[in-house]
Amino acid sequence: SFFAYLKLQDNYRLLDAGAALGFG
């Protein structure tokens, strides 16, 4: 989850593909 990622940014690098993000 992005919530988890925000807490783990020091340990992980976000990828620019594969996300679940959108409208509705």
PDB file of all heavy atoms in Angstrom:
ATOM      1  N   SER A   1       0.842  -1.192   0.000  1.00  0.00           N
ATOM      2  CA  SER A   1       0.000   0.000   0.000  1.00  0.00           C
ATOM      3  C   SER A   1       0.880   1.245   0.000  1.00  0.00           C
ATOM      4  O   SER A   1       1.976   1.241   0.567  1.00  0.00           O
ATOM      5  CB  SER A   1      -0.903   0.011   1.236  1.00  0.00           C
ATOM      6  OG  SER A   1      -1.751  -1.114   1.266  1.00  0.00           O
ATOM      7  N   PHE A   2       0.374   2.308  -0.584  1.00  0.00           N
ATOM      8  CA  PHE A   2       1.141   3.555  -0.559  1.00  0.00           C
ATOM      9  C   PHE A   2       1.328   4.065   0.871  1.00  0.00           C
ATOM     10  O   PHE A   2       2.339   4.697   1.172  1.00  0.00           O
ATOM     11  CB  PHE A   2       0.461   4.626  -1.421  1.00  0.00           C
ATOM     12  CG  PHE A   2       0.955   4.650  -2.844  1.00  0.00           C
ATOM     13  CD1 PHE A   2       0.168   4.181  -3.871  1.00  0.00           C
ATOM     14  CD2 PHE A   2       2.219   5.131  -3.146  1.00  0.00           C
ATOM     15  CE1 PHE A   2       0.616   4.199  -5.179  1.00  0.00           C
ATOM     16  CE2 PHE A   2       2.689   5.146  -4.448  1.00  0.00           C
ATOM     17  CZ  PHE A   2       1.880   4.679  -5.476  1.00  0.00           C
ATOM     18  N   PHE A   3       0.379   3.792   1.753  1.00  0.00           N
ATOM     19  CA  PHE A   3       0.543   4.177   3.151  1.00  0.00           C
ATOM     20  C   PHE A   3       1.769   3.494   3.745  1.00  0.00           C
ATOM     21  O   PHE A   3       2.600   4.123   4.409  1.00  0.00           O
ATOM     22  CB  PHE A   3      -0.722   3.825   3.928  1.00  0.00           C
ATOM     23  CG  PHE A   3      -0.736   4.294   5.364  1.00  0.00           C
ATOM     24  CD1 PHE A   3       0.088   5.323   5.801  1.00  0.00           C
ATOM     25  CD2 PHE A   3      -1.605   3.710   6.283  1.00  0.00           C
ATOM     26  CE1 PHE A   3       0.058   5.755   7.133  1.00  0.00           C
ATOM     27  CE2 PHE A   3      -1.658   4.133   7.603  1.00  0.00           C
ATOM     28  CZ  PHE A   3      -0.817   5.154   8.024  1.00  0.00           C
ATOM     29  N   ALA A   4       1.896   2.191   3.483  1.00  0.00           N
ATOM     30  CA  ALA A   4       3.067   1.456   3.972  1.00  0.00           C
ATOM     31  C   ALA A   4       4.339   2.006   3.338  1.00  0.00           C
ATOM     32  O   ALA A   4       5.364   2.184   4.020  1.00  0.00           O
ATOM     33  CB  ALA A   4       2.922  -0.031   3.666  1.00  0.00           C
ATOM     34  N   TYR A   5       4.273   2.297   2.035  1.00  0.00           N
ATOM     35  CA  TYR A   5       5.461   2.814   1.355  1.00  0.00           C
ATOM     36  C   TYR A   5       5.917   4.137   1.972  1.00  0.00           C
ATOM     37  O   TYR A   5       7.136   4.369   2.141  1.00  0.00           O
ATOM     38  CB  TYR A   5       5.189   3.002  -0.135  1.00  0.00           C
ATOM     39  CG  TYR A   5       6.299   3.752  -0.824  1.00  0.00           C
ATOM     40  CD1 TYR A   5       7.529   3.135  -1.066  1.00  0.00           C
ATOM     41  CD2 TYR A   5       6.149   5.096  -1.184  1.00  0.00           C
ATOM     42  CE1 TYR A   5       8.572   3.845  -1.649  1.00  0.00           C
ATOM     43  CE2 TYR A   5       7.179   5.790  -1.769  1.00  0.00           C
ATOM     44  CZ  TYR A   5       8.387   5.168  -2.003  1.00  0.00           C
ATOM     45  OH  TYR A   5       9.422   5.870  -2.578  1.00  0.00           O
ATOM     46  N   LEU A   6       4.981   5.006   2.315  1.00  0.00           N
ATOM     47  CA  LEU A   6       5.356   6.289   2.897  1.00  0.00           C
ATOM     48  C   LEU A   6       6.116   6.098   4.208  1.00  0.00           C
ATOM     49  O   LEU A   6       6.949   6.931   4.572  1.00  0.00           O
ATOM     50  CB  LEU A   6       4.115   7.156   3.123  1.00  0.00           C
ATOM     51  CG  LEU A   6       3.396   7.641   1.865  1.00  0.00           C
ATOM     52  CD1 LEU A   6       2.143   8.426   2.234  1.00  0.00           C
ATOM     53  CD2 LEU A   6       4.316   8.483   0.981  1.00  0.00           C
ATOM     54  N   LYS A   7       5.837   5.016   4.911  1.00  0.00           N
ATOM     55  CA  LYS A   7       6.562   4.728   6.149  1.00  0.00           C
ATOM     56  C   LYS A   7       7.883   4.003   5.901  1.00  0.00           C
ATOM     57  O   LYS A   7       8.735   3.939   6.790  1.00  0.00           O
ATOM     58  CB  LYS A   7       5.683   3.879   7.075  1.00  0.00           C
ATOM     59  CG  LYS A   7       4.527   4.644   7.709  1.00  0.00           C
ATOM     60  CD  LYS A   7       3.708   3.739   8.606  1.00  0.00           C
ATOM     61  CE  LYS A   7       2.708   4.530   9.435  1.00  0.00           C
ATOM     62  NZ  LYS A   7       3.330   5.284  10.539  1.00  0.00           N
ATOM     63  N   LEU A   8       8.060   3.454   4.704  1.00  0.00           N
ATOM     64  CA  LEU A   8       9.224   2.611   4.413  1.00  0.00           C
ATOM     65  C   LEU A   8      10.128   3.185   3.324  1.00  0.00           C
ATOM     66  O   LEU A   8      10.938   2.461   2.750  1.00  0.00           O
ATOM     67  CB  LEU A   8       8.741   1.213   3.981  1.00  0.00           C
ATOM     68  CG  LEU A   8       8.060   0.372   5.057  1.00  0.00           C
ATOM     69  CD1 LEU A   8       7.430  -0.871   4.443  1.00  0.00           C
ATOM     70  CD2 LEU A   8       9.063  -0.024   6.139  1.00  0.00           C
ATOM     71  N   GLN A   9      10.022   4.467   3.070  1.00  0.00           N
ATOM     72  CA  GLN A   9      10.781   5.062   1.971  1.00  0.00           C
ATOM     73  C   GLN A   9      12.289   4.910   2.129  1.00  0.00           C
ATOM     74  O   GLN A   9      13.010   4.849   1.133  1.00  0.00           O
ATOM     75  CB  GLN A   9      10.435   6.549   1.852  1.00  0.00           C
ATOM     76  CG  GLN A   9       9.030   6.816   1.393  1.00  0.00           C
ATOM     77  CD  GLN A   9       8.736   8.299   1.299  1.00  0.00           C
ATOM     78  OE1 GLN A   9       9.178   8.978   0.387  1.00  0.00           O
ATOM     79  NE2 GLN A   9       7.985   8.819   2.259  1.00  0.00           N
ATOM     80  N   ASP A  10      12.760   4.844   3.351  1.00  0.00           N
ATOM     81  CA  ASP A  10      14.207   4.686   3.568  1.00  0.00           C
ATOM     82  C   ASP A  10      14.688   3.299   3.157  1.00  0.00           C
ATOM     83  O   ASP A  10      15.884   3.108   2.891  1.00  0.00           O
ATOM     84  CB  ASP A  10      14.550   4.920   5.050  1.00  0.00           C
ATOM     85  CG  ASP A  10      14.399   6.371   5.455  1.00  0.00           C
ATOM     86  OD1 ASP A  10      14.352   7.237   4.561  1.00  0.00           O
ATOM     87  OD2 ASP A  10      14.313   6.634   6.672  1.00  0.00           O
ATOM     88  N   ASN A  11      13.766   2.334   3.094  1.00  0.00           N
ATOM     89  CA  ASN A  11      14.141   0.944   2.823  1.00  0.00           C
ATOM     90  C   ASN A  11      13.790   0.468   1.416  1.00  0.00           C
ATOM     91  O   ASN A  11      14.270  -0.585   0.988  1.00  0.00           O
ATOM     92  CB  ASN A  11      13.467   0.012   3.835  1.00  0.00           C
ATOM     93  CG  ASN A  11      13.852   0.344   5.262  1.00  0.00           C
ATOM     94  OD1 ASN A  11      14.980   0.733   5.535  1.00  0.00           O
ATOM     95  ND2 ASN A  11      12.910   0.205   6.176  1.00  0.00           N
ATOM     96  N   TYR A  12      12.937   1.213   0.722  1.00  0.00           N
ATOM     97  CA  TYR A  12      12.463   0.775  -0.588  1.00  0.00           C
ATOM     98  C   TYR A  12      12.564   1.900  -1.612  1.00  0.00           C
ATOM     99  O   TYR A  12      12.482   3.076  -1.280  1.00  0.00           O
ATOM    100  CB  TYR A  12      11.007   0.305  -0.509  1.00  0.00           C
ATOM    101  CG  TYR A  12      10.837  -1.028   0.185  1.00  0.00           C
ATOM    102  CD1 TYR A  12      10.692  -1.085   1.572  1.00  0.00           C
ATOM    103  CD2 TYR A  12      10.828  -2.219  -0.526  1.00  0.00           C
ATOM    104  CE1 TYR A  12      10.538  -2.295   2.229  1.00  0.00           C
ATOM    105  CE2 TYR A  12      10.675  -3.437   0.120  1.00  0.00           C
ATOM    106  CZ  TYR A  12      10.535  -3.465   1.491  1.00  0.00           C
ATOM    107  OH  TYR A  12      10.392  -4.669   2.132  1.00  0.00           O
ATOM    108  N   ARG A  13      12.690   1.494  -2.858  1.00  0.00           N
ATOM    109  CA  ARG A  13      12.681   2.429  -3.985  1.00  0.00           C
ATOM    110  C   ARG A  13      11.431   2.169  -4.826  1.00  0.00           C
ATOM    111  O   ARG A  13      11.192   1.045  -5.282  1.00  0.00           O
ATOM    112  CB  ARG A  13      13.941   2.243  -4.838  1.00  0.00           C
ATOM    113  CG  ARG A  13      14.052   3.168  -6.047  1.00  0.00           C
ATOM    114  CD  ARG A  13      14.443   4.579  -5.630  1.00  0.00           C
ATOM    115  NE  ARG A  13      14.639   5.439  -6.789  1.00  0.00           N
ATOM    116  CZ  ARG A  13      15.797   5.598  -7.422  1.00  0.00           C
ATOM    117  NH1 ARG A  13      16.878   4.937  -6.998  1.00  0.00           N
ATOM    118  NH2 ARG A  13      15.910   6.402  -8.470  1.00  0.00           N
ATOM    119  N   LEU A  14      10.627   3.184  -5.000  1.00  0.00           N
ATOM    120  CA  LEU A  14       9.384   3.074  -5.749  1.00  0.00           C
ATOM    121  C   LEU A  14       9.666   2.838  -7.226  1.00  0.00           C
ATOM    122  O   LEU A  14      10.540   3.478  -7.819  1.00  0.00           O
ATOM    123  CB  LEU A  14       8.577   4.369  -5.570  1.00  0.00           C
ATOM    124  CG  LEU A  14       7.226   4.452  -6.271  1.00  0.00           C
ATOM    125  CD1 LEU A  14       6.244   3.470  -5.655  1.00  0.00           C
ATOM    126  CD2 LEU A  14       6.681   5.881  -6.177  1.00  0.00           C
ATOM    127  N   LEU A  15       8.910   1.911  -7.831  1.00  0.00           N
ATOM    128  CA  LEU A  15       9.004   1.702  -9.274  1.00  0.00           C
ATOM    129  C   LEU A  15       7.936   2.523  -9.983  1.00  0.00           C
ATOM    130  O   LEU A  15       6.870   2.809  -9.426  1.00  0.00           O
ATOM    131  CB  LEU A  15       8.834   0.215  -9.618  1.00  0.00           C
ATOM    132  CG  LEU A  15       9.935  -0.732  -9.144  1.00  0.00           C
ATOM    133  CD1 LEU A  15       9.682  -2.148  -9.664  1.00  0.00           C
ATOM    134  CD2 LEU A  15      11.314  -0.254  -9.606  1.00  0.00           C
ATOM    135  N   ASP A  16       8.225   2.868 -11.222  1.00  0.00           N
ATOM    136  CA  ASP A  16       7.326   3.720 -11.997  1.00  0.00           C
ATOM    137  C   ASP A  16       6.281   2.898 -12.746  1.00  0.00           C
ATOM    138  O   ASP A  16       5.522   3.446 -13.541  1.00  0.00           O
ATOM    139  CB  ASP A  16       8.154   4.549 -12.986  1.00  0.00           C
ATOM    140  CG  ASP A  16       7.358   5.693 -13.594  1.00  0.00           C
ATOM    141  OD1 ASP A  16       6.532   6.287 -12.876  1.00  0.00           O
ATOM    142  OD2 ASP A  16       7.547   5.977 -14.793  1.00  0.00           O
ATOM    143  N   ALA A  17       6.244   1.599 -12.524  1.00  0.00           N
ATOM    144  CA  ALA A  17       5.286   0.727 -13.212  1.00  0.00           C
ATOM    145  C   ALA A  17       4.639  -0.212 -12.202  1.00  0.00           C
ATOM    146  O   ALA A  17       5.239  -0.568 -11.191  1.00  0.00           O
ATOM    147  CB  ALA A  17       5.982  -0.081 -14.311  1.00  0.00           C
ATOM    148  N   GLY A  18       3.392  -0.598 -12.481  1.00  0.00           N
ATOM    149  CA  GLY A  18       2.714  -1.583 -11.650  1.00  0.00           C
ATOM    150  C   GLY A  18       1.838  -1.015 -10.556  1.00  0.00           C
ATOM    151  O   GLY A  18       1.250  -1.772  -9.781  1.00  0.00           O
ATOM    152  N   ALA A  19       1.700   0.298 -10.484  1.00  0.00           N
ATOM    153  CA  ALA A  19       0.936   0.906  -9.384  1.00  0.00           C
ATOM    154  C   ALA A  19      -0.570   0.777  -9.616  1.00  0.00           C
ATOM    155  O   ALA A  19      -1.050   0.671 -10.748  1.00  0.00           O
ATOM    156  CB  ALA A  19       1.311   2.372  -9.231  1.00  0.00           C
ATOM    157  N   ALA A  20      -1.316   0.792  -8.525  1.00  0.00           N
ATOM    158  CA  ALA A  20      -2.778   0.884  -8.559  1.00  0.00           C
ATOM    159  C   ALA A  20      -3.128   2.302  -8.130  1.00  0.00           C
ATOM    160  O   ALA A  20      -3.030   2.640  -6.947  1.00  0.00           O
ATOM    161  CB  ALA A  20      -3.411  -0.143  -7.636  1.00  0.00           C
ATOM    162  N   LEU A  21      -3.501   3.097  -9.104  1.00  0.00           N
ATOM    163  CA  LEU A  21      -3.716   4.522  -8.861  1.00  0.00           C
ATOM    164  C   LEU A  21      -4.694   5.011  -9.917  1.00  0.00           C
ATOM    165  O   LEU A  21      -4.547   4.677 -11.090  1.00  0.00           O
ATOM    166  CB  LEU A  21      -2.366   5.245  -8.961  1.00  0.00           C
ATOM    167  CG  LEU A  21      -2.265   6.715  -8.647  1.00  0.00           C
ATOM    168  CD1 LEU A  21      -0.882   7.017  -8.055  1.00  0.00           C
ATOM    169  CD2 LEU A  21      -2.446   7.555  -9.902  1.00  0.00           C
ATOM    170  N   GLY A  22      -5.694   5.772  -9.514  1.00  0.00           N
ATOM    171  CA  GLY A  22      -6.629   6.231 -10.522  1.00  0.00           C
ATOM    172  C   GLY A  22      -7.797   6.988  -9.950  1.00  0.00           C
ATOM    173  O   GLY A  22      -7.861   7.299  -8.760  1.00  0.00           O
ATOM    174  N   PHE A  23      -8.740   7.278 -10.822  1.00  0.00           N
ATOM    175  CA  PHE A  23      -9.971   7.970 -10.452  1.00  0.00           C
ATOM    176  C   PHE A  23     -11.108   6.956 -10.341  1.00  0.00           C
ATOM    177  O   PHE A  23     -11.165   5.971 -11.077  1.00  0.00           O
ATOM    178  CB  PHE A  23     -10.328   9.019 -11.503  1.00  0.00           C
ATOM    179  CG  PHE A  23      -9.348  10.160 -11.594  1.00  0.00           C
ATOM    180  CD1 PHE A  23      -8.346  10.160 -12.552  1.00  0.00           C
ATOM    181  CD2 PHE A  23      -9.430  11.227 -10.714  1.00  0.00           C
ATOM    182  CE1 PHE A  23      -7.441  11.207 -12.648  1.00  0.00           C
ATOM    183  CE2 PHE A  23      -8.527  12.287 -10.792  1.00  0.00           C
ATOM    184  CZ  PHE A  23      -7.533  12.277 -11.757  1.00  0.00           C
ATOM    185  N   GLY A  24     -12.011   7.197  -9.407  1.00  0.00           N
ATOM    186  CA  GLY A  24     -13.189   6.346  -9.277  1.00  0.00           C
ATOM    187  C   GLY A  24     -12.899   4.950  -8.788  1.00  0.00           C
ATOM    188  O   GLY A  24     -13.671   4.024  -9.051  1.00  0.00           O
TER     189      GLY A  24
END
